[in-house]
């Protein structure tokens, strides 16, 4: 029996998460935490919890838990925005900035590995299809 697309998407997701969690363990990070770190790094080292939620497409309690664990391990500090007390600002620590610089390179390397053998045009087309699939199920 031929497997469906969703089956392979699930297998790929599981493999990415398992490999990333293993590779990140030495830095005391998980894949989800590295995504938070990478997002904040790309935004100048500081952002709001709400922007993290929107970018990662996760619920508020999930981000609160991620931020708390990352604060505990010395990657982030968080504080209420002095201009708007409803917003919580999340900022990278110097420890996280060093890792953030390397994170972009690691992500690019993993992406290249995943898409090995595909031309630039095929990569763009594949990304287009993934985005369309995501929109269809959203």
C-alpha atoms as a PDB file:
ATOM      1  CA  UNK A   1       0.000   0.000   0.000  1.00  0.00           C
ATOM      2  CA  UNK A   2       1.297   3.438  -0.918  1.00  0.00           C
ATOM      3  CA  UNK A   3       1.629   5.794   2.042  1.00  0.00           C
ATOM      4  CA  UNK A   4      -0.076   9.207   2.054  1.00  0.00           C
ATOM      5  CA  UNK A   5       1.655  12.589   2.135  1.00  0.00           C
ATOM      6  CA  UNK A   6       0.708  13.185   5.782  1.00  0.00           C
ATOM      7  CA  UNK A   7       2.523  10.000   6.772  1.00  0.00           C
ATOM      8  CA  UNK A   8       5.810  11.263   5.318  1.00  0.00           C
ATOM      9  CA  UNK A   9       5.340  14.754   6.736  1.00  0.00           C
ATOM     10  CA  UNK A  10       4.953  13.169  10.198  1.00  0.00           C
ATOM     11  CA  UNK A  11       8.049  10.969   9.722  1.00  0.00           C
ATOM     12  CA  UNK A  12      10.110  13.954   8.561  1.00  0.00           C
ATOM     13  CA  UNK A  13       8.929  16.098  11.470  1.00  0.00           C
ATOM     14  CA  UNK A  14       9.740  13.372  13.987  1.00  0.00           C
ATOM     15  CA  UNK A  15      13.219  12.840  12.498  1.00  0.00           C
ATOM     16  CA  UNK A  16      13.986  16.580  12.494  1.00  0.00           C
ATOM     17  CA  UNK A  17      12.885  16.940  16.128  1.00  0.00           C
ATOM     18  CA  UNK A  18      14.795  13.873  17.338  1.00  0.00           C
ATOM     19  CA  UNK A  19      18.020  14.865  15.554  1.00  0.00           C
ATOM     20  CA  UNK A  20      17.800  18.519  16.610  1.00  0.00           C
ATOM     21  CA  UNK A  21      17.052  17.687  20.255  1.00  0.00           C
ATOM     22  CA  UNK A  22      20.057  15.340  20.297  1.00  0.00           C
ATOM     23  CA  UNK A  23      22.361  17.929  18.674  1.00  0.00           C
ATOM     24  CA  UNK A  24      21.144  20.737  20.948  1.00  0.00           C
ATOM     25  CA  UNK A  25      21.342  18.761  24.187  1.00  0.00           C
ATOM     26  CA  UNK A  26      24.977  19.790  24.730  1.00  0.00           C
ATOM     27  CA  UNK A  27      23.799  23.431  24.842  1.00  0.00           C
ATOM     28  CA  UNK A  28      20.943  22.508  27.215  1.00  0.00           C
ATOM     29  CA  UNK A  29      18.375  23.451  24.550  1.00  0.00           C
ATOM     30  CA  UNK A  30      15.464  21.728  22.805  1.00  0.00           C
ATOM     31  CA  UNK A  31      14.357  22.303  19.224  1.00  0.00           C
ATOM     32  CA  UNK A  32      11.494  24.538  20.381  1.00  0.00           C
ATOM     33  CA  UNK A  33      13.834  26.572  22.566  1.00  0.00           C
ATOM     34  CA  UNK A  34      16.316  26.937  19.706  1.00  0.00           C
ATOM     35  CA  UNK A  35      13.518  28.283  17.526  1.00  0.00           C
ATOM     36  CA  UNK A  36      12.744  30.884  20.185  1.00  0.00           C
ATOM     37  CA  UNK A  37      16.418  31.781  20.466  1.00  0.00           C
ATOM     38  CA  UNK A  38      16.815  32.006  16.692  1.00  0.00           C
ATOM     39  CA  UNK A  39      13.700  34.180  16.306  1.00  0.00           C
ATOM     40  CA  UNK A  40      14.831  36.618  19.000  1.00  0.00           C
ATOM     41  CA  UNK A  41      18.349  36.699  17.546  1.00  0.00           C
ATOM     42  CA  UNK A  42      16.919  37.579  14.110  1.00  0.00           C
ATOM     43  CA  UNK A  43      15.012  40.453  15.723  1.00  0.00           C
ATOM     44  CA  UNK A  44      18.012  42.180  17.236  1.00  0.00           C
ATOM     45  CA  UNK A  45      18.124  40.212  20.485  1.00  0.00           C
ATOM     46  CA  UNK A  46      14.830  41.446  21.904  1.00  0.00           C
ATOM     47  CA  UNK A  47      11.133  40.894  21.165  1.00  0.00           C
ATOM     48  CA  UNK A  48       7.799  40.415  22.917  1.00  0.00           C
ATOM     49  CA  UNK A  49       6.266  37.148  24.052  1.00  0.00           C
ATOM     50  CA  UNK A  50       3.335  37.877  21.735  1.00  0.00           C
ATOM     51  CA  UNK A  51       5.646  38.085  18.717  1.00  0.00           C
ATOM     52  CA  UNK A  52       7.179  34.732  19.699  1.00  0.00           C
ATOM     53  CA  UNK A  53       3.688  33.201  19.945  1.00  0.00           C
ATOM     54  CA  UNK A  54       2.743  34.554  16.522  1.00  0.00           C
ATOM     55  CA  UNK A  55       5.978  33.411  14.891  1.00  0.00           C
ATOM     56  CA  UNK A  56       6.006  29.895  16.363  1.00  0.00           C
ATOM     57  CA  UNK A  57       2.220  29.519  15.981  1.00  0.00           C
ATOM     58  CA  UNK A  58       1.835  28.315  19.571  1.00  0.00           C
ATOM     59  CA  UNK A  59      -0.383  29.242  22.496  1.00  0.00           C
ATOM     60  CA  UNK A  60       0.508  31.787  25.174  1.00  0.00           C
ATOM     61  CA  UNK A  61       1.037  29.169  27.942  1.00  0.00           C
ATOM     62  CA  UNK A  62       3.492  27.302  25.699  1.00  0.00           C
ATOM     63  CA  UNK A  63       5.633  30.408  25.206  1.00  0.00           C
ATOM     64  CA  UNK A  64       5.455  31.246  28.914  1.00  0.00           C
ATOM     65  CA  UNK A  65       6.824  27.770  29.719  1.00  0.00           C
ATOM     66  CA  UNK A  66       9.563  28.000  27.080  1.00  0.00           C
ATOM     67  CA  UNK A  67      10.657  31.430  28.295  1.00  0.00           C
ATOM     68  CA  UNK A  68      10.689  30.349  31.962  1.00  0.00           C
ATOM     69  CA  UNK A  69      12.852  27.294  31.205  1.00  0.00           C
ATOM     70  CA  UNK A  70      15.205  29.358  29.055  1.00  0.00           C
ATOM     71  CA  UNK A  71      15.487  32.001  31.791  1.00  0.00           C
ATOM     72  CA  UNK A  72      16.314  29.245  34.283  1.00  0.00           C
ATOM     73  CA  UNK A  73      19.188  28.100  32.029  1.00  0.00           C
ATOM     74  CA  UNK A  74      20.491  31.642  31.568  1.00  0.00           C
ATOM     75  CA  UNK A  75      19.513  32.177  27.918  1.00  0.00           C
ATOM     76  CA  UNK A  76      16.878  34.876  28.395  1.00  0.00           C
ATOM     77  CA  UNK A  77      15.688  37.619  30.669  1.00  0.00           C
ATOM     78  CA  UNK A  78      12.123  38.886  30.559  1.00  0.00           C
ATOM     79  CA  UNK A  79      10.454  41.965  31.932  1.00  0.00           C
ATOM     80  CA  UNK A  80       7.297  43.976  31.473  1.00  0.00           C
ATOM     81  CA  UNK A  81       7.437  46.723  28.859  1.00  0.00           C
ATOM     82  CA  UNK A  82       7.711  50.040  30.750  1.00  0.00           C
ATOM     83  CA  UNK A  83       5.609  51.707  28.019  1.00  0.00           C
ATOM     84  CA  UNK A  84       2.886  49.055  28.018  1.00  0.00           C
ATOM     85  CA  UNK A  85       2.579  46.837  31.094  1.00  0.00           C
ATOM     86  CA  UNK A  86       0.570  44.238  29.161  1.00  0.00           C
ATOM     87  CA  UNK A  87       3.552  43.368  26.955  1.00  0.00           C
ATOM     88  CA  UNK A  88       6.361  41.192  28.228  1.00  0.00           C
ATOM     89  CA  UNK A  89       9.750  41.820  26.627  1.00  0.00           C
ATOM     90  CA  UNK A  90      12.067  38.864  26.137  1.00  0.00           C
ATOM     91  CA  UNK A  91      15.768  39.543  25.682  1.00  0.00           C
ATOM     92  CA  UNK A  92      18.767  37.342  24.933  1.00  0.00           C
ATOM     93  CA  UNK A  93      21.559  37.128  27.471  1.00  0.00           C
ATOM     94  CA  UNK A  94      25.185  37.313  26.305  1.00  0.00           C
ATOM     95  CA  UNK A  95      25.310  33.493  26.667  1.00  0.00           C
ATOM     96  CA  UNK A  96      22.405  33.145  24.219  1.00  0.00           C
ATOM     97  CA  UNK A  97      23.843  35.688  21.775  1.00  0.00           C
ATOM     98  CA  UNK A  98      26.915  33.493  21.261  1.00  0.00           C
ATOM     99  CA  UNK A  99      24.720  30.457  20.600  1.00  0.00           C
ATOM    100  CA  UNK A 100      22.378  32.545  18.408  1.00  0.00           C
ATOM    101  CA  UNK A 101      25.253  33.449  16.101  1.00  0.00           C
ATOM    102  CA  UNK A 102      25.943  29.754  15.555  1.00  0.00           C
ATOM    103  CA  UNK A 103      22.271  28.754  15.375  1.00  0.00           C
ATOM    104  CA  UNK A 104      21.672  30.387  11.987  1.00  0.00           C
ATOM    105  CA  UNK A 105      24.607  28.469  10.510  1.00  0.00           C
ATOM    106  CA  UNK A 106      23.372  25.176  11.981  1.00  0.00           C
ATOM    107  CA  UNK A 107      19.847  25.753  10.643  1.00  0.00           C
ATOM    108  CA  UNK A 108      21.180  26.572   7.165  1.00  0.00           C
ATOM    109  CA  UNK A 109      23.380  23.473   7.229  1.00  0.00           C
ATOM    110  CA  UNK A 110      20.480  21.221   8.245  1.00  0.00           C
ATOM    111  CA  UNK A 111      18.274  22.776   5.570  1.00  0.00           C
ATOM    112  CA  UNK A 112      20.917  22.103   2.920  1.00  0.00           C
ATOM    113  CA  UNK A 113      21.233  18.522   4.131  1.00  0.00           C
ATOM    114  CA  UNK A 114      17.465  17.970   3.958  1.00  0.00           C
ATOM    115  CA  UNK A 115      17.169  19.436   0.470  1.00  0.00           C
ATOM    116  CA  UNK A 116      20.331  17.878  -0.939  1.00  0.00           C
ATOM    117  CA  UNK A 117      19.864  16.912  -4.584  1.00  0.00           C
ATOM    118  CA  UNK A 118      17.169  19.511  -5.251  1.00  0.00           C
ATOM    119  CA  UNK A 119      17.891  22.431  -7.544  1.00  0.00           C
ATOM    120  CA  UNK A 120      17.269  25.993  -6.382  1.00  0.00           C
ATOM    121  CA  UNK A 121      14.080  26.064  -8.455  1.00  0.00           C
ATOM    122  CA  UNK A 122      12.903  22.747  -6.954  1.00  0.00           C
ATOM    123  CA  UNK A 123      13.610  24.076  -3.450  1.00  0.00           C
ATOM    124  CA  UNK A 124      11.497  27.167  -4.120  1.00  0.00           C
ATOM    125  CA  UNK A 125       8.728  25.042  -5.593  1.00  0.00           C
ATOM    126  CA  UNK A 126       8.834  22.634  -2.648  1.00  0.00           C
ATOM    127  CA  UNK A 127       8.608  25.505  -0.158  1.00  0.00           C
ATOM    128  CA  UNK A 128       5.694  26.939  -2.147  1.00  0.00           C
ATOM    129  CA  UNK A 129       3.869  23.584  -1.907  1.00  0.00           C
ATOM    130  CA  UNK A 130       4.507  23.300   1.819  1.00  0.00           C
ATOM    131  CA  UNK A 131       3.131  26.798   2.406  1.00  0.00           C
ATOM    132  CA  UNK A 132       0.041  25.980   0.321  1.00  0.00           C
ATOM    133  CA  UNK A 133      -0.527  22.757   2.285  1.00  0.00           C
ATOM    134  CA  UNK A 134      -0.180  24.686   5.536  1.00  0.00           C
ATOM    135  CA  UNK A 135      -2.697  27.302   4.371  1.00  0.00           C
ATOM    136  CA  UNK A 136      -5.136  24.561   3.316  1.00  0.00           C
ATOM    137  CA  UNK A 137      -5.177  22.995   6.768  1.00  0.00           C
ATOM    138  CA  UNK A 138      -5.159  26.259   8.751  1.00  0.00           C
END
